[in-house]
Amino acid sequence: MSDELVEKVRAGNDHAFRILIETYKQTIFRTVYSVLRNQKDAEDVTQEVFIKIYTSLPQYNNQGFKTWITRIAINHAIDLKRKRERQKEESHEEYSSDPQLGLSDDVEALFFQNERRRHVLRKLNELPEGYRDVVYDYYIKEKTFKQIAEEQQIQVKSVEVKLYRARNWMRKHWKEEDFS
């Protein structure tokens, strides 16, 4: 089935590619999540992987599609993880050596980060009140669990539970298309 869909995609059939995405998105997400251990990053990288799969289809030679896309996903996730670790080290070094330099020199990353924040702010009002503050503090203000717990005078574990429940609420009530 996959090889037939691949041939249709190569022939320019966008619907066939949508079917491939639907068929393999959970597999790719689980694979990427196993490397990154962060749901938000895994969701973003899953989308990037499908773009990479689409652009790499001409190189695919019909030798196990699932294995091929899984390898692409793992490599992409590992690359991202390494890149972020390097950026943290470099940012820390730059910041400590020259206070004039900002931590966000990558304009493109900053743009997408700001776009995501604006969209989340719009959707934030839909959240139940008990979850809204935790989600806002964690994702928008980028506070740690400990900072949120201290400000709200609750335990760190309570912050984790609230954020977990908020994510479940969002998964249940928001559609993926809302964020496309």
N, C-alpha and C. Protein backbone atom coordinates (compact mmCIF):
# COMPACT_ATOMS: atom_id res chain seq x y z
N MET A 1 0.82 -1.19 0.00
CA MET A 1 0.00 0.00 0.00
C MET A 1 0.87 1.26 0.00
N SER A 2 1.90 1.30 0.84
CA SER A 2 2.74 2.49 0.95
C SER A 2 3.43 2.81 -0.37
N ASP A 3 3.94 1.77 -1.03
CA ASP A 3 4.65 2.02 -2.28
C ASP A 3 3.72 2.59 -3.35
N GLU A 4 2.46 2.14 -3.35
CA GLU A 4 1.49 2.68 -4.30
C GLU A 4 1.23 4.16 -4.00
N LEU A 5 1.07 4.48 -2.72
CA LEU A 5 0.85 5.87 -2.33
C LEU A 5 2.05 6.73 -2.68
N VAL A 6 3.24 6.20 -2.46
CA VAL A 6 4.46 6.94 -2.78
C VAL A 6 4.49 7.28 -4.26
N GLU A 7 4.15 6.32 -5.09
CA GLU A 7 4.14 6.56 -6.53
C GLU A 7 3.11 7.63 -6.90
N LYS A 8 1.96 7.61 -6.23
CA LYS A 8 0.94 8.63 -6.50
C LYS A 8 1.43 10.02 -6.06
N VAL A 9 2.12 10.06 -4.92
CA VAL A 9 2.66 11.34 -4.45
C VAL A 9 3.71 11.84 -5.42
N ARG A 10 4.57 10.94 -5.89
CA ARG A 10 5.61 11.33 -6.86
C ARG A 10 4.97 11.87 -8.14
N ALA A 11 3.77 11.36 -8.45
CA ALA A 11 3.07 11.80 -9.66
C ALA A 11 2.32 13.12 -9.42
N GLY A 12 2.40 13.63 -8.19
CA GLY A 12 1.78 14.93 -7.90
C GLY A 12 0.43 14.86 -7.20
N ASN A 13 0.04 13.70 -6.69
CA ASN A 13 -1.24 13.54 -6.03
C ASN A 13 -1.11 13.95 -4.55
N ASP A 14 -1.59 15.15 -4.23
CA ASP A 14 -1.50 15.65 -2.85
C ASP A 14 -2.38 14.87 -1.88
N HIS A 15 -3.50 14.37 -2.38
CA HIS A 15 -4.39 13.58 -1.51
C HIS A 15 -3.67 12.31 -1.03
N ALA A 16 -2.89 11.71 -1.89
CA ALA A 16 -2.13 10.51 -1.50
C ALA A 16 -1.14 10.85 -0.38
N PHE A 17 -0.55 12.04 -0.45
CA PHE A 17 0.38 12.43 0.62
C PHE A 17 -0.36 12.64 1.93
N ARG A 18 -1.57 13.21 1.87
CA ARG A 18 -2.37 13.36 3.08
C ARG A 18 -2.68 12.00 3.70
N ILE A 19 -2.94 11.02 2.86
CA ILE A 19 -3.20 9.66 3.37
C ILE A 19 -1.94 9.11 4.04
N LEU A 20 -0.78 9.33 3.43
CA LEU A 20 0.49 8.89 4.05
C LEU A 20 0.67 9.55 5.41
N ILE A 21 0.38 10.83 5.50
CA ILE A 21 0.52 11.54 6.77
C ILE A 21 -0.40 10.93 7.81
N GLU A 22 -1.67 10.73 7.45
CA GLU A 22 -2.63 10.16 8.39
C GLU A 22 -2.22 8.75 8.82
N THR A 23 -1.67 7.99 7.90
CA THR A 23 -1.28 6.62 8.19
C THR A 23 -0.08 6.56 9.14
N TYR A 24 0.87 7.47 8.99
CA TYR A 24 2.13 7.35 9.72
C TYR A 24 2.38 8.44 10.75
N LYS A 25 1.44 9.36 10.96
CA LYS A 25 1.73 10.47 11.87
C LYS A 25 1.95 10.01 13.32
N GLN A 26 1.20 9.02 13.77
CA GLN A 26 1.40 8.53 15.14
C GLN A 26 2.75 7.82 15.28
N THR A 27 3.12 7.06 14.28
CA THR A 27 4.41 6.36 14.30
C THR A 27 5.54 7.37 14.36
N ILE A 28 5.48 8.39 13.51
CA ILE A 28 6.52 9.41 13.47
C ILE A 28 6.55 10.18 14.79
N PHE A 29 5.37 10.55 15.30
CA PHE A 29 5.31 11.29 16.56
C PHE A 29 5.96 10.49 17.69
N ARG A 30 5.58 9.22 17.83
CA ARG A 30 6.15 8.39 18.90
C ARG A 30 7.66 8.26 18.76
N THR A 31 8.12 8.11 17.53
CA THR A 31 9.56 7.99 17.29
C THR A 31 10.29 9.27 17.70
N VAL A 32 9.77 10.40 17.26
CA VAL A 32 10.40 11.68 17.58
C VAL A 32 10.32 11.96 19.08
N TYR A 33 9.18 11.65 19.68
CA TYR A 33 9.01 11.89 21.12
C TYR A 33 10.00 11.05 21.93
N SER A 34 10.28 9.85 21.46
CA SER A 34 11.22 8.99 22.20
C SER A 34 12.61 9.60 22.25
N VAL A 35 12.94 10.45 21.28
CA VAL A 35 14.25 11.11 21.26
C VAL A 35 14.20 12.43 22.05
N LEU A 36 13.16 13.22 21.82
CA LEU A 36 13.10 14.57 22.38
C LEU A 36 12.50 14.65 23.78
N ARG A 37 11.61 13.75 24.11
CA ARG A 37 10.95 13.72 25.42
C ARG A 37 10.24 15.02 25.77
N ASN A 38 9.67 15.67 24.74
CA ASN A 38 8.93 16.90 24.94
C ASN A 38 7.82 16.92 23.90
N GLN A 39 6.58 16.96 24.37
CA GLN A 39 5.44 16.83 23.45
C GLN A 39 5.39 17.97 22.44
N LYS A 40 5.57 19.19 22.90
CA LYS A 40 5.48 20.34 22.00
C LYS A 40 6.55 20.25 20.90
N ASP A 41 7.78 19.94 21.30
CA ASP A 41 8.86 19.80 20.32
C ASP A 41 8.59 18.64 19.37
N ALA A 42 8.07 17.54 19.92
CA ALA A 42 7.79 16.36 19.09
C ALA A 42 6.71 16.67 18.06
N GLU A 43 5.71 17.44 18.44
CA GLU A 43 4.66 17.81 17.48
C GLU A 43 5.24 18.67 16.36
N ASP A 44 6.07 19.64 16.72
CA ASP A 44 6.69 20.51 15.71
C ASP A 44 7.60 19.70 14.78
N VAL A 45 8.42 18.85 15.37
CA VAL A 45 9.37 18.07 14.57
C VAL A 45 8.65 17.07 13.68
N THR A 46 7.53 16.54 14.15
CA THR A 46 6.75 15.61 13.32
C THR A 46 6.33 16.29 12.03
N GLN A 47 5.88 17.53 12.13
CA GLN A 47 5.50 18.27 10.92
C GLN A 47 6.71 18.50 10.02
N GLU A 48 7.84 18.85 10.62
CA GLU A 48 9.06 19.06 9.84
C GLU A 48 9.49 17.78 9.14
N VAL A 49 9.34 16.66 9.82
CA VAL A 49 9.74 15.37 9.24
C VAL A 49 8.89 15.07 8.00
N PHE A 50 7.60 15.35 8.05
CA PHE A 50 6.77 15.08 6.88
C PHE A 50 7.16 15.98 5.70
N ILE A 51 7.57 17.18 5.97
CA ILE A 51 8.08 18.05 4.89
C ILE A 51 9.35 17.44 4.31
N LYS A 52 10.22 16.96 5.20
CA LYS A 52 11.47 16.35 4.76
C LYS A 52 11.19 15.06 3.95
N ILE A 53 10.21 14.29 4.39
CA ILE A 53 9.83 13.07 3.67
C ILE A 53 9.35 13.44 2.26
N TYR A 54 8.51 14.45 2.19
CA TYR A 54 7.96 14.88 0.90
C TYR A 54 9.07 15.28 -0.06
N THR A 55 10.02 16.08 0.45
CA THR A 55 11.10 16.55 -0.43
C THR A 55 12.11 15.45 -0.74
N SER A 56 12.15 14.40 0.08
CA SER A 56 13.12 13.31 -0.13
C SER A 56 12.54 12.13 -0.90
N LEU A 57 11.25 12.17 -1.22
CA LEU A 57 10.62 11.04 -1.93
C LEU A 57 11.33 10.65 -3.23
N PRO A 58 11.90 11.59 -3.99
CA PRO A 58 12.60 11.16 -5.21
C PRO A 58 13.78 10.21 -4.92
N GLN A 59 14.37 10.30 -3.72
CA GLN A 59 15.49 9.41 -3.38
C GLN A 59 15.04 8.06 -2.82
N TYR A 60 13.76 7.93 -2.48
CA TYR A 60 13.27 6.67 -1.92
C TYR A 60 13.27 5.60 -3.01
N ASN A 61 13.82 4.42 -2.66
CA ASN A 61 13.95 3.37 -3.68
C ASN A 61 13.16 2.10 -3.35
N ASN A 62 11.97 2.27 -2.76
CA ASN A 62 11.03 1.16 -2.51
C ASN A 62 11.63 0.00 -1.71
N GLN A 63 12.35 0.34 -0.65
CA GLN A 63 12.92 -0.71 0.21
C GLN A 63 12.47 -0.50 1.65
N GLY A 64 11.21 -0.62 1.92
CA GLY A 64 10.68 -0.51 3.27
C GLY A 64 10.38 0.93 3.66
N PHE A 65 9.21 1.38 3.30
CA PHE A 65 8.84 2.78 3.51
C PHE A 65 8.82 3.16 4.99
N LYS A 66 8.23 2.32 5.83
CA LYS A 66 8.13 2.64 7.26
C LYS A 66 9.52 2.76 7.88
N THR A 67 10.42 1.86 7.53
CA THR A 67 11.79 1.93 8.03
C THR A 67 12.47 3.20 7.55
N TRP A 68 12.26 3.54 6.30
CA TRP A 68 12.88 4.72 5.70
C TRP A 68 12.41 6.00 6.40
N ILE A 69 11.09 6.14 6.60
CA ILE A 69 10.59 7.37 7.23
C ILE A 69 10.96 7.42 8.72
N THR A 70 11.04 6.26 9.37
CA THR A 70 11.45 6.22 10.77
C THR A 70 12.89 6.68 10.90
N ARG A 71 13.73 6.26 9.99
CA ARG A 71 15.14 6.68 10.02
C ARG A 71 15.25 8.20 9.82
N ILE A 72 14.45 8.74 8.90
CA ILE A 72 14.43 10.19 8.68
C ILE A 72 14.00 10.90 9.97
N ALA A 73 12.96 10.39 10.62
CA ALA A 73 12.44 11.00 11.84
C ALA A 73 13.48 10.98 12.96
N ILE A 74 14.11 9.84 13.15
CA ILE A 74 15.12 9.73 14.21
C ILE A 74 16.28 10.68 13.94
N ASN A 75 16.78 10.68 12.71
CA ASN A 75 17.90 11.55 12.38
C ASN A 75 17.55 13.03 12.58
N HIS A 76 16.35 13.41 12.16
CA HIS A 76 15.93 14.81 12.30
C HIS A 76 15.80 15.19 13.77
N ALA A 77 15.22 14.31 14.57
CA ALA A 77 15.04 14.59 16.00
C ALA A 77 16.40 14.69 16.70
N ILE A 78 17.31 13.79 16.38
CA ILE A 78 18.65 13.82 16.97
C ILE A 78 19.38 15.11 16.57
N ASP A 79 19.26 15.48 15.31
CA ASP A 79 19.89 16.72 14.84
C ASP A 79 19.35 17.93 15.61
N LEU A 80 18.03 17.98 15.79
CA LEU A 80 17.44 19.09 16.52
C LEU A 80 17.92 19.11 17.97
N LYS A 81 17.96 17.95 18.59
CA LYS A 81 18.39 17.87 19.98
C LYS A 81 19.84 18.36 20.11
N ARG A 82 20.70 17.92 19.22
CA ARG A 82 22.10 18.37 19.24
C ARG A 82 22.20 19.87 19.01
N LYS A 83 21.43 20.37 18.05
CA LYS A 83 21.45 21.79 17.73
C LYS A 83 21.03 22.62 18.94
N ARG A 84 19.99 22.20 19.61
CA ARG A 84 19.51 22.94 20.79
C ARG A 84 20.53 22.91 21.92
N GLU A 85 21.17 21.77 22.09
CA GLU A 85 22.20 21.69 23.14
C GLU A 85 23.37 22.62 22.81
N ARG A 86 23.76 22.67 21.54
CA ARG A 86 24.84 23.59 21.13
C ARG A 86 24.41 25.04 21.32
N GLN A 87 23.17 25.35 20.95
CA GLN A 87 22.68 26.72 21.09
C GLN A 87 22.65 27.14 22.56
N LYS A 88 22.25 26.23 23.43
CA LYS A 88 22.24 26.55 24.86
C LYS A 88 23.64 26.87 25.34
N GLU A 89 24.60 26.05 24.93
CA GLU A 89 25.99 26.27 25.33
C GLU A 89 26.50 27.58 24.77
N GLU A 90 26.26 27.82 23.46
CA GLU A 90 26.73 29.04 22.82
C GLU A 90 26.05 30.27 23.41
N SER A 91 24.76 30.19 23.62
CA SER A 91 24.02 31.32 24.18
C SER A 91 24.53 31.64 25.57
N HIS A 92 24.78 30.61 26.34
CA HIS A 92 25.27 30.82 27.69
C HIS A 92 26.65 31.48 27.65
N GLU A 93 27.51 31.01 26.75
CA GLU A 93 28.84 31.59 26.62
C GLU A 93 28.76 33.03 26.15
N GLU A 94 27.95 33.30 25.13
CA GLU A 94 27.80 34.66 24.60
C GLU A 94 27.23 35.59 25.65
N TYR A 95 26.24 35.11 26.33
CA TYR A 95 25.57 35.95 27.31
C TYR A 95 26.50 36.28 28.47
N SER A 96 27.27 35.31 28.89
CA SER A 96 28.16 35.56 30.01
C SER A 96 29.37 36.40 29.61
N SER A 97 29.79 36.35 28.34
CA SER A 97 30.97 37.10 27.93
C SER A 97 30.63 38.51 27.45
N ASP A 98 29.42 38.74 26.93
CA ASP A 98 29.05 40.05 26.41
C ASP A 98 27.60 40.34 26.74
N PRO A 99 27.34 41.16 27.74
CA PRO A 99 25.96 41.42 28.13
C PRO A 99 25.15 42.16 27.07
N GLN A 100 25.80 42.70 26.03
CA GLN A 100 25.07 43.39 24.97
C GLN A 100 24.36 42.43 24.03
N LEU A 101 24.84 41.19 23.94
CA LEU A 101 24.25 40.22 23.01
C LEU A 101 22.98 39.63 23.59
N GLY A 102 21.95 39.51 22.77
CA GLY A 102 20.71 38.88 23.21
C GLY A 102 20.79 37.38 23.04
N LEU A 103 19.91 36.68 23.72
CA LEU A 103 19.89 35.22 23.63
C LEU A 103 19.19 34.72 22.37
N SER A 104 18.45 35.60 21.70
CA SER A 104 17.67 35.14 20.55
C SER A 104 18.14 35.83 19.27
N ASP A 105 19.31 35.47 18.80
CA ASP A 105 19.85 36.05 17.57
C ASP A 105 19.24 35.42 16.33
N ASP A 106 18.63 34.28 16.47
CA ASP A 106 18.05 33.60 15.33
C ASP A 106 16.66 34.19 15.05
N VAL A 107 16.59 35.08 14.08
CA VAL A 107 15.37 35.84 13.80
C VAL A 107 14.22 34.93 13.37
N GLU A 108 14.51 33.95 12.55
CA GLU A 108 13.46 33.05 12.08
C GLU A 108 12.84 32.27 13.23
N ALA A 109 13.68 31.74 14.10
CA ALA A 109 13.16 30.99 15.25
C ALA A 109 12.35 31.91 16.15
N LEU A 110 12.81 33.12 16.33
CA LEU A 110 12.09 34.08 17.14
C LEU A 110 10.73 34.41 16.54
N PHE A 111 10.68 34.57 15.22
CA PHE A 111 9.42 34.85 14.54
C PHE A 111 8.41 33.75 14.79
N PHE A 112 8.82 32.49 14.56
CA PHE A 112 7.89 31.38 14.74
C PHE A 112 7.50 31.22 16.20
N GLN A 113 8.42 31.49 17.10
CA GLN A 113 8.11 31.41 18.53
C GLN A 113 7.06 32.47 18.88
N ASN A 114 7.20 33.68 18.35
CA ASN A 114 6.23 34.74 18.62
C ASN A 114 4.88 34.44 18.00
N GLU A 115 4.88 33.88 16.78
CA GLU A 115 3.62 33.51 16.14
C GLU A 115 2.89 32.46 16.98
N ARG A 116 3.61 31.47 17.46
CA ARG A 116 3.01 30.42 18.29
C ARG A 116 2.44 31.02 19.56
N ARG A 117 3.18 31.94 20.16
CA ARG A 117 2.70 32.58 21.39
C ARG A 117 1.41 33.36 21.15
N ARG A 118 1.36 34.12 20.06
CA ARG A 118 0.15 34.90 19.76
C ARG A 118 -1.05 33.99 19.57
N HIS A 119 -0.83 32.89 18.88
CA HIS A 119 -1.94 31.96 18.64
C HIS A 119 -2.40 31.32 19.94
N VAL A 120 -1.46 30.94 20.77
CA VAL A 120 -1.80 30.33 22.06
C VAL A 120 -2.56 31.34 22.92
N LEU A 121 -2.13 32.59 22.88
CA LEU A 121 -2.84 33.62 23.65
C LEU A 121 -4.30 33.73 23.23
N ARG A 122 -4.53 33.65 21.92
CA ARG A 122 -5.92 33.71 21.44
C ARG A 122 -6.72 32.51 21.94
N LYS A 123 -6.11 31.35 21.90
CA LYS A 123 -6.81 30.13 22.30
C LYS A 123 -6.90 29.99 23.83
N LEU A 124 -6.04 30.69 24.53
CA LEU A 124 -5.93 30.56 25.99
C LEU A 124 -7.24 30.88 26.69
N ASN A 125 -7.99 31.82 26.16
CA ASN A 125 -9.25 32.20 26.81
C ASN A 125 -10.27 31.08 26.82
N GLU A 126 -10.08 30.06 25.98
CA GLU A 126 -11.00 28.92 25.95
C GLU A 126 -10.74 27.94 27.09
N LEU A 127 -9.56 27.99 27.66
CA LEU A 127 -9.20 27.04 28.72
C LEU A 127 -10.00 27.29 29.99
N PRO A 128 -10.30 26.22 30.73
CA PRO A 128 -10.92 26.40 32.04
C PRO A 128 -10.01 27.27 32.92
N GLU A 129 -10.60 28.07 33.75
CA GLU A 129 -9.85 29.06 34.54
C GLU A 129 -8.72 28.44 35.37
N GLY A 130 -8.93 27.27 35.92
CA GLY A 130 -7.91 26.63 36.76
C GLY A 130 -6.64 26.27 36.01
N TYR A 131 -6.74 26.10 34.70
CA TYR A 131 -5.57 25.72 33.90
C TYR A 131 -4.92 26.92 33.22
N ARG A 132 -5.69 27.97 33.01
CA ARG A 132 -5.25 29.11 32.21
C ARG A 132 -3.96 29.73 32.74
N ASP A 133 -3.88 29.98 34.05
CA ASP A 133 -2.70 30.63 34.63
C ASP A 133 -1.46 29.77 34.48
N VAL A 134 -1.59 28.48 34.71
CA VAL A 134 -0.43 27.59 34.61
C VAL A 134 0.07 27.53 33.17
N VAL A 135 -0.84 27.40 32.23
CA VAL A 135 -0.44 27.34 30.82
C VAL A 135 0.19 28.66 30.40
N TYR A 136 -0.41 29.76 30.82
CA TYR A 136 0.13 31.08 30.47
C TYR A 136 1.54 31.26 31.05
N ASP A 137 1.69 30.95 32.32
CA ASP A 137 3.00 31.11 32.96
C ASP A 137 4.06 30.20 32.34
N TYR A 138 3.68 28.97 32.03
CA TYR A 138 4.67 28.00 31.54
C TYR A 138 5.03 28.25 30.08
N TYR A 139 4.03 28.41 29.21
CA TYR A 139 4.30 28.53 27.78
C TYR A 139 4.56 29.96 27.31
N ILE A 140 3.88 30.92 27.88
CA ILE A 140 4.02 32.29 27.41
C ILE A 140 5.14 33.01 28.18
N LYS A 141 5.08 32.96 29.49
CA LYS A 141 6.10 33.64 30.29
C LYS A 141 7.36 32.78 30.48
N GLU A 142 7.25 31.51 30.08
CA GLU A 142 8.37 30.55 30.13
C GLU A 142 8.96 30.41 31.53
N LYS A 143 8.08 30.35 32.51
CA LYS A 143 8.51 30.16 33.89
C LYS A 143 8.70 28.67 34.17
N THR A 144 9.52 28.37 35.15
CA THR A 144 9.74 26.98 35.54
C THR A 144 8.60 26.53 36.45
N PHE A 145 8.49 25.23 36.64
CA PHE A 145 7.48 24.69 37.55
C PHE A 145 7.67 25.30 38.94
N LYS A 146 8.93 25.41 39.35
CA LYS A 146 9.24 25.92 40.69
C LYS A 146 8.79 27.38 40.83
N GLN A 147 9.04 28.20 39.82
CA GLN A 147 8.61 29.60 39.87
C GLN A 147 7.09 29.70 39.96
N ILE A 148 6.41 28.91 39.15
CA ILE A 148 4.94 28.94 39.16
C ILE A 148 4.41 28.51 40.52
N ALA A 149 4.99 27.45 41.06
CA ALA A 149 4.56 26.93 42.36
C ALA A 149 4.74 27.99 43.45
N GLU A 150 5.87 28.66 43.43
CA GLU A 150 6.12 29.69 44.44
C GLU A 150 5.13 30.84 44.32
N GLU A 151 4.86 31.29 43.09
CA GLU A 151 3.94 32.40 42.88
C GLU A 151 2.51 32.05 43.27
N GLN A 152 2.10 30.81 42.97
CA GLN A 152 0.73 30.41 43.27
C GLN A 152 0.61 29.78 44.66
N GLN A 153 1.74 29.67 45.35
CA GLN A 153 1.81 29.09 46.69
C GLN A 153 1.21 27.68 46.73
N ILE A 154 1.68 26.87 45.77
CA ILE A 154 1.29 25.47 45.71
C ILE A 154 2.54 24.63 45.52
N GLN A 155 2.39 23.32 45.59
CA GLN A 155 3.52 22.41 45.40
C GLN A 155 3.88 22.31 43.92
N VAL A 156 5.14 22.00 43.66
CA VAL A 156 5.60 21.82 42.28
C VAL A 156 4.79 20.70 41.62
N LYS A 157 4.52 19.65 42.35
CA LYS A 157 3.75 18.53 41.81
C LYS A 157 2.36 18.99 41.37
N SER A 158 1.77 19.93 42.10
CA SER A 158 0.45 20.46 41.72
C SER A 158 0.53 21.21 40.40
N VAL A 159 1.63 21.92 40.18
CA VAL A 159 1.81 22.61 38.91
C VAL A 159 1.90 21.59 37.78
N GLU A 160 2.68 20.52 38.01
CA GLU A 160 2.82 19.48 37.00
C GLU A 160 1.47 18.85 36.67
N VAL A 161 0.69 18.57 37.69
CA VAL A 161 -0.62 17.95 37.49
C VAL A 161 -1.55 18.90 36.73
N LYS A 162 -1.56 20.17 37.11
CA LYS A 162 -2.41 21.14 36.40
C LYS A 162 -2.02 21.23 34.93
N LEU A 163 -0.72 21.28 34.66
CA LEU A 163 -0.27 21.38 33.28
C LEU A 163 -0.61 20.12 32.50
N TYR A 164 -0.47 18.97 33.14
CA TYR A 164 -0.83 17.70 32.51
C TYR A 164 -2.32 17.68 32.16
N ARG A 165 -3.14 18.08 33.10
CA ARG A 165 -4.60 18.10 32.87
C ARG A 165 -4.97 19.13 31.81
N ALA A 166 -4.29 20.27 31.81
CA ALA A 166 -4.55 21.29 30.81
C ALA A 166 -4.22 20.77 29.41
N ARG A 167 -3.10 20.06 29.29
CA ARG A 167 -2.73 19.48 27.99
C ARG A 167 -3.78 18.47 27.53
N ASN A 168 -4.24 17.65 28.46
CA ASN A 168 -5.30 16.69 28.11
C ASN A 168 -6.57 17.41 27.67
N TRP A 169 -6.93 18.47 28.38
CA TRP A 169 -8.11 19.24 28.01
C TRP A 169 -7.94 19.81 26.60
N MET A 170 -6.74 20.34 26.31
CA MET A 170 -6.49 20.92 24.99
C MET A 170 -6.57 19.85 23.90
N ARG A 171 -5.98 18.67 24.17
CA ARG A 171 -6.05 17.59 23.18
C ARG A 171 -7.49 17.20 22.89
N LYS A 172 -8.31 17.19 23.94
CA LYS A 172 -9.70 16.76 23.80
C LYS A 172 -10.55 17.82 23.09
N HIS A 173 -10.31 19.10 23.37
CA HIS A 173 -11.19 20.16 22.89
C HIS A 173 -10.68 20.94 21.69
N TRP A 174 -9.39 20.87 21.42
CA TRP A 174 -8.83 21.61 20.29
C TRP A 174 -8.44 20.64 19.21
N LYS A 175 -8.66 21.04 17.99
CA LYS A 175 -8.28 20.21 16.85
C LYS A 175 -6.93 20.66 16.35
N GLU A 176 -6.22 19.74 15.74
CA GLU A 176 -4.90 20.05 15.18
C GLU A 176 -4.98 21.18 14.16
N GLU A 177 -6.10 21.22 13.40
CA GLU A 177 -6.26 22.24 12.38
C GLU A 177 -6.32 23.64 12.99
N ASP A 178 -6.72 23.73 14.27
CA ASP A 178 -6.78 25.03 14.93
C ASP A 178 -5.41 25.69 15.00
N PHE A 179 -4.37 24.89 14.89
CA PHE A 179 -3.01 25.40 15.05
C PHE A 179 -2.21 25.33 13.76
N SER A 180 -2.85 25.05 12.65
CA SER A 180 -2.14 24.95 11.37
C SER A 180 -2.04 26.30 10.72
